[in-house]
Amino acid sequence: MREVRHGSPVAVEQLLAREIERLRAIRLRALREAPDAFGTTLEEAEARPPEDWEGQLEASHVCRYPWRL
């Protein structure tokens, strides 16, 4: 775990290809909590098919999503 400004702890994990639902849940939560921090909307992300989420993990081989604990 790494500390960021204001002492907020942030966890960074590598997601595996089989963790598509976890990736989706993390991303949707982030969009709900900080919608202005992203180039897509919550509605756009919710509408994405599972193949898009899978492709995101496969394309990068490593997908790291920091989130506050």
C-alpha atoms as a PDB file:
ATOM      1  CA  MET A   1       0.000   0.000   0.000  1.00  0.00           C
ATOM      2  CA  ARG A   2       1.221   3.479  -0.823  1.00  0.00           C
ATOM      3  CA  GLU A   3       0.330   6.725   0.902  1.00  0.00           C
ATOM      4  CA  VAL A   4      -0.830   9.637  -1.245  1.00  0.00           C
ATOM      5  CA  ARG A   5      -1.592  13.270  -0.479  1.00  0.00           C
ATOM      6  CA  HIS A   6      -3.579  13.955   2.637  1.00  0.00           C
ATOM      7  CA  GLY A   7      -2.620  10.569   4.082  1.00  0.00           C
ATOM      8  CA  SER A   8      -5.268   8.664   2.099  1.00  0.00           C
ATOM      9  CA  PRO A   9      -4.143   5.045   1.673  1.00  0.00           C
ATOM     10  CA  VAL A  10      -4.269   3.691  -1.866  1.00  0.00           C
ATOM     11  CA  ALA A  11      -4.036   0.026  -2.815  1.00  0.00           C
ATOM     12  CA  VAL A  12      -2.625  -0.950  -6.205  1.00  0.00           C
ATOM     13  CA  GLU A  13      -3.186  -4.491  -7.416  1.00  0.00           C
ATOM     14  CA  GLN A  14      -2.607  -6.304 -10.671  1.00  0.00           C
ATOM     15  CA  LEU A  15      -5.880  -7.699 -11.974  1.00  0.00           C
ATOM     16  CA  LEU A  16      -5.893 -11.001 -13.799  1.00  0.00           C
ATOM     17  CA  ALA A  17      -7.876 -11.760 -16.953  1.00  0.00           C
ATOM     18  CA  ARG A  18     -10.381 -13.792 -14.945  1.00  0.00           C
ATOM     19  CA  GLU A  19     -11.201 -10.759 -12.746  1.00  0.00           C
ATOM     20  CA  ILE A  20     -13.361  -8.944 -15.281  1.00  0.00           C
ATOM     21  CA  GLU A  21     -16.260  -8.456 -12.874  1.00  0.00           C
ATOM     22  CA  ARG A  22     -13.902  -7.046 -10.254  1.00  0.00           C
ATOM     23  CA  LEU A  23     -12.442  -4.599 -12.772  1.00  0.00           C
ATOM     24  CA  ARG A  24     -15.934  -3.511 -13.762  1.00  0.00           C
ATOM     25  CA  ALA A  25     -17.011  -3.039 -10.136  1.00  0.00           C
ATOM     26  CA  ILE A  26     -13.929  -0.970  -9.303  1.00  0.00           C
ATOM     27  CA  ARG A  27     -14.304   1.214 -12.392  1.00  0.00           C
ATOM     28  CA  LEU A  28     -18.021   1.808 -11.851  1.00  0.00           C
ATOM     29  CA  ARG A  29     -17.419   2.703  -8.221  1.00  0.00           C
ATOM     30  CA  ALA A  30     -14.709   5.162  -9.239  1.00  0.00           C
ATOM     31  CA  LEU A  31     -17.022   6.752 -11.801  1.00  0.00           C
ATOM     32  CA  ARG A  32     -19.750   7.135  -9.178  1.00  0.00           C
ATOM     33  CA  GLU A  33     -17.385   8.702  -6.654  1.00  0.00           C
ATOM     34  CA  ALA A  34     -15.392  10.973  -8.986  1.00  0.00           C
ATOM     35  CA  PRO A  35     -17.170  11.331 -12.339  1.00  0.00           C
ATOM     36  CA  ASP A  36     -15.126  14.359 -13.405  1.00  0.00           C
ATOM     37  CA  ALA A  37     -11.874  12.403 -13.148  1.00  0.00           C
ATOM     38  CA  PHE A  38     -12.620  10.239 -16.191  1.00  0.00           C
ATOM     39  CA  GLY A  39     -13.190  10.653 -19.902  1.00  0.00           C
ATOM     40  CA  THR A  40     -16.236   8.381 -19.883  1.00  0.00           C
ATOM     41  CA  THR A  41     -19.494   8.551 -18.014  1.00  0.00           C
ATOM     42  CA  LEU A  42     -20.954   6.027 -15.610  1.00  0.00           C
ATOM     43  CA  GLU A  43     -23.725   5.329 -18.113  1.00  0.00           C
ATOM     44  CA  GLU A  44     -21.208   4.603 -20.892  1.00  0.00           C
ATOM     45  CA  ALA A  45     -19.221   2.256 -18.678  1.00  0.00           C
ATOM     46  CA  GLU A  46     -22.334   0.440 -17.467  1.00  0.00           C
ATOM     47  CA  ALA A  47     -23.376  -0.157 -21.086  1.00  0.00           C
ATOM     48  CA  ARG A  48     -20.065  -1.758 -22.096  1.00  0.00           C
ATOM     49  CA  PRO A  49     -20.383  -5.479 -22.904  1.00  0.00           C
ATOM     50  CA  PRO A  50     -18.242  -8.035 -21.038  1.00  0.00           C
ATOM     51  CA  GLU A  51     -16.027  -8.441 -24.112  1.00  0.00           C
ATOM     52  CA  ASP A  52     -14.883  -4.826 -23.798  1.00  0.00           C
ATOM     53  CA  TRP A  53     -13.836  -5.313 -20.178  1.00  0.00           C
ATOM     54  CA  GLU A  54     -12.048  -8.542 -21.081  1.00  0.00           C
ATOM     55  CA  GLY A  55     -10.287  -6.797 -23.941  1.00  0.00           C
ATOM     56  CA  GLN A  56      -9.072  -4.081 -21.599  1.00  0.00           C
ATOM     57  CA  LEU A  57      -7.375  -6.624 -19.356  1.00  0.00           C
ATOM     58  CA  GLU A  58      -5.938  -8.599 -22.267  1.00  0.00           C
ATOM     59  CA  ALA A  59      -4.693  -5.532 -24.147  1.00  0.00           C
ATOM     60  CA  SER A  60      -2.648  -4.199 -21.272  1.00  0.00           C
ATOM     61  CA  HIS A  61      -1.558  -7.529 -19.774  1.00  0.00           C
ATOM     62  CA  VAL A  62      -1.458  -5.569 -16.569  1.00  0.00           C
ATOM     63  CA  CYS A  63      -4.301  -3.399 -15.410  1.00  0.00           C
ATOM     64  CA  ARG A  64      -3.782  -1.458 -12.219  1.00  0.00           C
ATOM     65  CA  TYR A  65      -6.589   0.437 -10.572  1.00  0.00           C
ATOM     66  CA  PRO A  66      -5.763   2.419  -7.462  1.00  0.00           C
ATOM     67  CA  TRP A  67      -8.582   2.992  -5.032  1.00  0.00           C
ATOM     68  CA  ARG A  68      -8.849   4.354  -1.541  1.00  0.00           C
ATOM     69  CA  LEU A  69      -9.218   1.908   1.290  1.00  0.00           C
END
